[in-house]
Every structure is written in C-alpha cells, then in structure tokens.
Amino acid sequence: MVKRLSDLPWTIPPGLILDPYAGRKLWWKGLDTANVVFVDRHVVSPGMIKASVVNLPFHNEQFAAVFADPPHFIRRSPFSPTCRLGHFGAYPNRTAVHVEWTLAAAELHRVTKPKAIMVWKSIDGAKTHDQCVNDDDLVCLTDWWSLMDKIKQPSRVPWSSAQTVFTLWSRRDLVKNET
C-alpha cells in the first residue's frame, strides 16, 4: 500500500520537485525534502510558499517532477467525517474542478522541464457523505500531459469505500503550429 511518495514504483527524475497542493506535507513524512518546493494556497507552514497552482511564482521549465494531491471533494456534507475533522479542501461544484485542473495542467506544464513527469493523486468511486472527483475528471490534464501509468488501491480513510488513484503523467512537448 502506498503511504508516501517513496512507496510508488516509479522513478522520479533528479532535480527539483514541485508539490503545488502541499497542505500538511503528509506524503513526505520521513523523506528527504531538500529538493522539494512546497506550495499551497491555504495552509502555509515554515518553508512553504503561499500561491495558487494556477498562477505559480516560478520561472519556465524549472522543475523535473510534480507531485499533485489536489482536493478530492465537491460540496462536502456537514455530516462528513472530513468536514468535522476540519481538513481536506473542497470544490463548490464539478465545473470548478474542471476549471482549476485545466488551468493547473497548463501552469504545471509551464514550470516543468521537457521530459518532466507528474504524479497526480485522486479518488475514484467514493461512497461517502461527500461527492468526490473521479477518474473522468482526469481528462482535464490531457491537453498538456500524457498518461503513462495508473495504480489503484483501497483508500486509507476508514469511512470510505473509495479507491485512491495514483496516475503517472509525462509532459507533452507541444510543437507550435507555424502557418
């Protein structure tokens, strides 16, 4: 079971890694993070940059890899355990998911080097009090990134029957159409 980034079977290229939805940095516990840049628009702790994933304060082609763990919920129920615990962000509706993820895909493409990879963590098949994003929402990434691999596993959240999905993406190097 994947409990942190190092448990994934994929090789992360050397260089700077961007975590644009860092939150509490849960996926990095016990790992060397000297080459990781942490960004979040809500939670800011020491060593973290406060910024939105759709408008990152970085130069073009700066990162070799991205690990993205965006919010998975849409319109959380007040009865949800995640709502009562006071963590895990939520989108107001599915359109907001698509808008942010489409803009995020473009911005993450801008700040990554050619041949960069991106690991995107999401949820599929949730049957909780929350409405969640699902595999179909990943289409928002495909203009800028190519899907290479996918791992599904049972959620670590005890009240959920959802599956956690890790997808590996490669940066599409777009050719400008000159006419």
C-alpha atoms as a PDB file:
ATOM      1  CA  MET A   1       0.000   0.000   0.000  1.00  0.00           C
ATOM      2  CA  VAL A   2       1.236   3.460  -0.908  1.00  0.00           C
ATOM      3  CA  LYS A   3       1.580   5.555   2.249  1.00  0.00           C
ATOM      4  CA  ARG A   4       4.072   8.093   0.972  1.00  0.00           C
ATOM      5  CA  LEU A   5       5.630   9.108  -2.312  1.00  0.00           C
ATOM      6  CA  SER A   6       8.625   6.791  -1.975  1.00  0.00           C
ATOM      7  CA  ASP A   7       6.277   3.749  -1.959  1.00  0.00           C
ATOM      8  CA  LEU A   8       5.350   4.298  -5.618  1.00  0.00           C
ATOM      9  CA  PRO A   9       7.130   2.059  -8.164  1.00  0.00           C
ATOM     10  CA  TRP A  10       8.039   4.941 -10.477  1.00  0.00           C
ATOM     11  CA  THR A  11      11.443   6.571 -10.796  1.00  0.00           C
ATOM     12  CA  ILE A  12      11.408  10.298 -10.086  1.00  0.00           C
ATOM     13  CA  PRO A  13      13.997  12.148 -12.201  1.00  0.00           C
ATOM     14  CA  PRO A  14      16.736  14.075 -10.404  1.00  0.00           C
ATOM     15  CA  GLY A  15      16.183  17.769  -9.904  1.00  0.00           C
ATOM     16  CA  LEU A  16      13.647  19.996  -8.215  1.00  0.00           C
ATOM     17  CA  ILE A  17      10.236  18.532  -7.368  1.00  0.00           C
ATOM     18  CA  LEU A  18       7.162  20.733  -7.024  1.00  0.00           C
ATOM     19  CA  ASP A  19       4.308  19.899  -4.638  1.00  0.00           C
ATOM     20  CA  PRO A  20       1.667  22.526  -5.554  1.00  0.00           C
ATOM     21  CA  TYR A  21      -1.001  21.216  -3.140  1.00  0.00           C
ATOM     22  CA  ALA A  22       1.321  20.607  -0.186  1.00  0.00           C
ATOM     23  CA  GLY A  23      -1.131  21.171   2.666  1.00  0.00           C
ATOM     24  CA  ARG A  24       0.298  19.374   5.681  1.00  0.00           C
ATOM     25  CA  LYS A  25       3.008  17.614   3.640  1.00  0.00           C
ATOM     26  CA  LEU A  26       1.639  14.205   4.648  1.00  0.00           C
ATOM     27  CA  TRP A  27       3.118  12.377   1.639  1.00  0.00           C
ATOM     28  CA  TRP A  28       6.631  13.479   2.567  1.00  0.00           C
ATOM     29  CA  LYS A  29       6.874  12.172   6.167  1.00  0.00           C
ATOM     30  CA  GLY A  30      10.317  10.756   6.816  1.00  0.00           C
ATOM     31  CA  LEU A  31      11.672  11.616   3.367  1.00  0.00           C
ATOM     32  CA  ASP A  32      14.492  13.929   2.345  1.00  0.00           C
ATOM     33  CA  THR A  33      12.762  17.052   1.027  1.00  0.00           C
ATOM     34  CA  ALA A  34      15.813  19.179   0.277  1.00  0.00           C
ATOM     35  CA  ASN A  35      14.891  19.234  -3.444  1.00  0.00           C
ATOM     36  CA  VAL A  36      11.126  19.701  -2.921  1.00  0.00           C
ATOM     37  CA  VAL A  37       9.367  23.056  -3.239  1.00  0.00           C
ATOM     38  CA  PHE A  38       6.127  23.151  -1.231  1.00  0.00           C
ATOM     39  CA  VAL A  39       3.260  25.384  -2.340  1.00  0.00           C
ATOM     40  CA  ASP A  40      -0.298  25.718  -1.052  1.00  0.00           C
ATOM     41  CA  ARG A  41      -2.919  28.426  -1.330  1.00  0.00           C
ATOM     42  CA  HIS A  42      -4.461  27.756   2.087  1.00  0.00           C
ATOM     43  CA  VAL A  43      -2.050  26.189   4.540  1.00  0.00           C
ATOM     44  CA  VAL A  44       1.279  27.854   4.975  1.00  0.00           C
ATOM     45  CA  SER A  45       3.910  26.473   7.297  1.00  0.00           C
ATOM     46  CA  PRO A  46       7.623  27.261   7.543  1.00  0.00           C
ATOM     47  CA  GLY A  47       9.374  26.565   4.267  1.00  0.00           C
ATOM     48  CA  MET A  48       6.148  26.709   2.237  1.00  0.00           C
ATOM     49  CA  ILE A  49       5.200  29.236  -0.436  1.00  0.00           C
ATOM     50  CA  LYS A  50       1.657  30.600  -0.429  1.00  0.00           C
ATOM     51  CA  ALA A  51       0.409  30.612  -4.032  1.00  0.00           C
ATOM     52  CA  SER A  52      -2.270  29.175  -6.282  1.00  0.00           C
ATOM     53  CA  VAL A  53      -1.460  26.249  -8.561  1.00  0.00           C
ATOM     54  CA  VAL A  54      -2.941  28.199 -11.474  1.00  0.00           C
ATOM     55  CA  ASN A  55      -0.517  31.122 -11.002  1.00  0.00           C
ATOM     56  CA  LEU A  56       2.813  29.828  -9.714  1.00  0.00           C
ATOM     57  CA  PRO A  57       5.640  32.272  -8.903  1.00  0.00           C
ATOM     58  CA  PHE A  58       8.316  30.285 -10.756  1.00  0.00           C
ATOM     59  CA  HIS A  59      10.295  30.599 -13.971  1.00  0.00           C
ATOM     60  CA  ASN A  60       9.538  28.451 -17.004  1.00  0.00           C
ATOM     61  CA  GLU A  61      10.989  24.918 -17.083  1.00  0.00           C
ATOM     62  CA  GLN A  62      12.281  24.932 -13.514  1.00  0.00           C
ATOM     63  CA  PHE A  63      11.078  21.543 -12.163  1.00  0.00           C
ATOM     64  CA  ALA A  64      11.917  17.952 -13.118  1.00  0.00           C
ATOM     65  CA  ALA A  65       8.814  16.494 -11.482  1.00  0.00           C
ATOM     66  CA  VAL A  66       5.486  17.367  -9.857  1.00  0.00           C
ATOM     67  CA  PHE A  67       3.566  15.570  -7.125  1.00  0.00           C
ATOM     68  CA  ALA A  68      -0.017  16.848  -7.037  1.00  0.00           C
ATOM     69  CA  ASP A  69      -2.554  15.847  -4.387  1.00  0.00           C
ATOM     70  CA  PRO A  70      -5.436  18.282  -5.058  1.00  0.00           C
ATOM     71  CA  PRO A  71      -8.680  18.441  -3.084  1.00  0.00           C
ATOM     72  CA  HIS A  72     -10.920  15.483  -3.929  1.00  0.00           C
ATOM     73  CA  PHE A  73     -14.265  16.665  -2.604  1.00  0.00           C
ATOM     74  CA  ILE A  74     -17.164  18.556  -4.143  1.00  0.00           C
ATOM     75  CA  ARG A  75     -19.724  20.122  -1.796  1.00  0.00           C
ATOM     76  CA  ARG A  76     -18.808  18.355   1.428  1.00  0.00           C
ATOM     77  CA  SER A  77     -21.696  17.342   3.639  1.00  0.00           C
ATOM     78  CA  PRO A  78     -21.736  18.821   7.165  1.00  0.00           C
ATOM     79  CA  PHE A  79     -22.124  15.200   8.347  1.00  0.00           C
ATOM     80  CA  SER A  80     -18.917  14.124   6.648  1.00  0.00           C
ATOM     81  CA  PRO A  81     -16.064  12.966   8.897  1.00  0.00           C
ATOM     82  CA  THR A  82     -13.674  15.080   6.805  1.00  0.00           C
ATOM     83  CA  CYS A  83     -15.767  18.182   7.425  1.00  0.00           C
ATOM     84  CA  ARG A  84     -15.926  17.518  11.154  1.00  0.00           C
ATOM     85  CA  LEU A  85     -12.169  16.968  11.270  1.00  0.00           C
ATOM     86  CA  GLY A  86     -11.681  20.393   9.684  1.00  0.00           C
ATOM     87  CA  HIS A  87      -9.329  19.411   6.884  1.00  0.00           C
ATOM     88  CA  PHE A  88      -9.398  18.368   3.220  1.00  0.00           C
ATOM     89  CA  GLY A  89     -10.405  21.162   0.850  1.00  0.00           C
ATOM     90  CA  ALA A  90     -13.474  21.039  -1.378  1.00  0.00           C
ATOM     91  CA  TYR A  91     -14.614  22.493  -4.688  1.00  0.00           C
ATOM     92  CA  PRO A  92     -18.042  24.186  -4.904  1.00  0.00           C
ATOM     93  CA  ASN A  93     -19.031  22.116  -7.982  1.00  0.00           C
ATOM     94  CA  ARG A  94     -17.656  19.850 -10.722  1.00  0.00           C
ATOM     95  CA  THR A  95     -17.205  22.807 -13.093  1.00  0.00           C
ATOM     96  CA  ALA A  96     -14.803  24.371 -10.573  1.00  0.00           C
ATOM     97  CA  VAL A  97     -12.799  21.118 -10.555  1.00  0.00           C
ATOM     98  CA  HIS A  98     -12.508  21.168 -14.341  1.00  0.00           C
ATOM     99  CA  VAL A  99     -11.588  24.844 -14.487  1.00  0.00           C
ATOM    100  CA  GLU A 100      -8.874  24.554 -11.818  1.00  0.00           C
ATOM    101  CA  TRP A 101      -7.446  21.263 -13.073  1.00  0.00           C
ATOM    102  CA  THR A 102      -7.316  22.510 -16.688  1.00  0.00           C
ATOM    103  CA  LEU A 103      -5.548  25.724 -15.644  1.00  0.00           C
ATOM    104  CA  ALA A 104      -3.294  23.781 -13.247  1.00  0.00           C
ATOM    105  CA  ALA A 105      -2.273  21.355 -16.012  1.00  0.00           C
ATOM    106  CA  ALA A 106      -1.204  24.265 -18.213  1.00  0.00           C
ATOM    107  CA  GLU A 107       0.644  26.054 -15.399  1.00  0.00           C
ATOM    108  CA  LEU A 108       2.418  22.880 -14.258  1.00  0.00           C
ATOM    109  CA  HIS A 109       3.442  22.269 -17.873  1.00  0.00           C
ATOM    110  CA  ARG A 110       4.920  25.789 -17.977  1.00  0.00           C
ATOM    111  CA  VAL A 111       7.080  25.360 -14.867  1.00  0.00           C
ATOM    112  CA  THR A 112       8.351  21.858 -15.703  1.00  0.00           C
ATOM    113  CA  LYS A 113      11.284  20.901 -17.882  1.00  0.00           C
ATOM    114  CA  PRO A 114      10.866  18.911 -21.101  1.00  0.00           C
ATOM    115  CA  LYS A 115      10.509  15.195 -20.277  1.00  0.00           C
ATOM    116  CA  ALA A 116       9.265  16.030 -16.778  1.00  0.00           C
ATOM    117  CA  ILE A 117       6.856  13.693 -15.017  1.00  0.00           C
ATOM    118  CA  MET A 118       3.858  14.368 -12.818  1.00  0.00           C
ATOM    119  CA  VAL A 119       2.291  12.104 -10.210  1.00  0.00           C
ATOM    120  CA  TRP A 120      -1.371  13.066  -9.691  1.00  0.00           C
ATOM    121  CA  LYS A 121      -3.248  11.613  -6.725  1.00  0.00           C
ATOM    122  CA  SER A 122      -7.020  11.430  -6.934  1.00  0.00           C
ATOM    123  CA  ILE A 123     -10.045   9.428  -5.788  1.00  0.00           C
ATOM    124  CA  ASP A 124     -12.395   7.159  -7.698  1.00  0.00           C
ATOM    125  CA  GLY A 125     -15.659   5.516  -6.717  1.00  0.00           C
ATOM    126  CA  ALA A 126     -16.221   7.296  -3.413  1.00  0.00           C
ATOM    127  CA  LYS A 127     -19.315   6.238  -1.464  1.00  0.00           C
ATOM    128  CA  THR A 128     -19.188   8.606   1.477  1.00  0.00           C
ATOM    129  CA  HIS A 129     -21.300  11.578   2.538  1.00  0.00           C
ATOM    130  CA  ASP A 130     -19.135  13.596   0.146  1.00  0.00           C
ATOM    131  CA  GLN A 131     -19.344  13.896  -3.597  1.00  0.00           C
ATOM    132  CA  CYS A 132     -15.849  13.288  -4.917  1.00  0.00           C
ATOM    133  CA  VAL A 133     -13.918  13.872  -8.081  1.00  0.00           C
ATOM    134  CA  ASN A 134     -13.361  10.708 -10.110  1.00  0.00           C
ATOM    135  CA  ASP A 135     -11.329   9.187 -12.944  1.00  0.00           C
ATOM    136  CA  ASP A 136     -13.418  11.017 -15.550  1.00  0.00           C
ATOM    137  CA  ASP A 137     -12.160  14.349 -14.216  1.00  0.00           C
ATOM    138  CA  LEU A 138      -8.575  13.481 -15.189  1.00  0.00           C
ATOM    139  CA  VAL A 139      -9.405  14.351 -18.812  1.00  0.00           C
ATOM    140  CA  CYS A 140      -8.671  17.968 -17.797  1.00  0.00           C
ATOM    141  CA  LEU A 141      -4.954  17.133 -17.778  1.00  0.00           C
ATOM    142  CA  THR A 142      -4.684  15.547 -21.226  1.00  0.00           C
ATOM    143  CA  ASP A 143      -4.044  18.664 -23.321  1.00  0.00           C
ATOM    144  CA  TRP A 144      -0.711  19.168 -21.555  1.00  0.00           C
ATOM    145  CA  TRP A 145       0.200  15.742 -20.140  1.00  0.00           C
ATOM    146  CA  SER A 146       0.204  12.125 -21.415  1.00  0.00           C
ATOM    147  CA  LEU A 147      -0.994   9.337 -19.138  1.00  0.00           C
ATOM    148  CA  MET A 148       1.697   6.681 -18.653  1.00  0.00           C
ATOM    149  CA  ASP A 149       0.525   4.504 -15.760  1.00  0.00           C
ATOM    150  CA  LYS A 150      -2.137   4.175 -13.072  1.00  0.00           C
ATOM    151  CA  ILE A 151      -2.248   2.477  -9.664  1.00  0.00           C
ATOM    152  CA  LYS A 152      -5.491   1.993  -7.715  1.00  0.00           C
ATOM    153  CA  GLN A 153      -5.649   0.882  -4.112  1.00  0.00           C
ATOM    154  CA  PRO A 154      -8.239   0.920  -1.325  1.00  0.00           C
ATOM    155  CA  SER A 155      -8.474   4.251   0.450  1.00  0.00           C
ATOM    156  CA  ARG A 156      -6.620   4.627   3.751  1.00  0.00           C
ATOM    157  CA  VAL A 157      -9.636   6.528   5.092  1.00  0.00           C
ATOM    158  CA  PRO A 158     -11.633   4.042   7.194  1.00  0.00           C
ATOM    159  CA  TRP A 159     -15.078   5.537   6.495  1.00  0.00           C
ATOM    160  CA  SER A 160     -14.653   5.493   2.719  1.00  0.00           C
ATOM    161  CA  SER A 161     -15.083   2.752   0.145  1.00  0.00           C
ATOM    162  CA  ALA A 162     -13.294   4.915  -2.410  1.00  0.00           C
ATOM    163  CA  GLN A 163     -10.127   3.921  -4.162  1.00  0.00           C
ATOM    164  CA  THR A 164      -7.044   6.088  -4.109  1.00  0.00           C
ATOM    165  CA  VAL A 165      -5.690   6.548  -7.621  1.00  0.00           C
ATOM    166  CA  PHE A 166      -2.114   7.481  -8.449  1.00  0.00           C
ATOM    167  CA  THR A 167      -1.535   8.407 -12.082  1.00  0.00           C
ATOM    168  CA  LEU A 168       1.838   8.961 -13.721  1.00  0.00           C
ATOM    169  CA  TRP A 169       1.948  11.574 -16.471  1.00  0.00           C
ATOM    170  CA  SER A 170       4.691  12.689 -18.849  1.00  0.00           C
ATOM    171  CA  ARG A 171       4.940  16.259 -20.020  1.00  0.00           C
ATOM    172  CA  ARG A 172       3.773  16.730 -23.572  1.00  0.00           C
ATOM    173  CA  ASP A 173       6.282  18.785 -25.503  1.00  0.00           C
ATOM    174  CA  LEU A 174       3.998  20.710 -27.783  1.00  0.00           C
ATOM    175  CA  VAL A 175       5.057  21.692 -31.266  1.00  0.00           C
ATOM    176  CA  LYS A 176       3.879  25.134 -32.298  1.00  0.00           C
ATOM    177  CA  ASN A 177       1.873  25.118 -35.478  1.00  0.00           C
ATOM    178  CA  GLU A 178       3.529  27.698 -37.682  1.00  0.00           C
ATOM    179  CA  THR A 179       1.390  28.804 -40.598  1.00  0.00           C
END
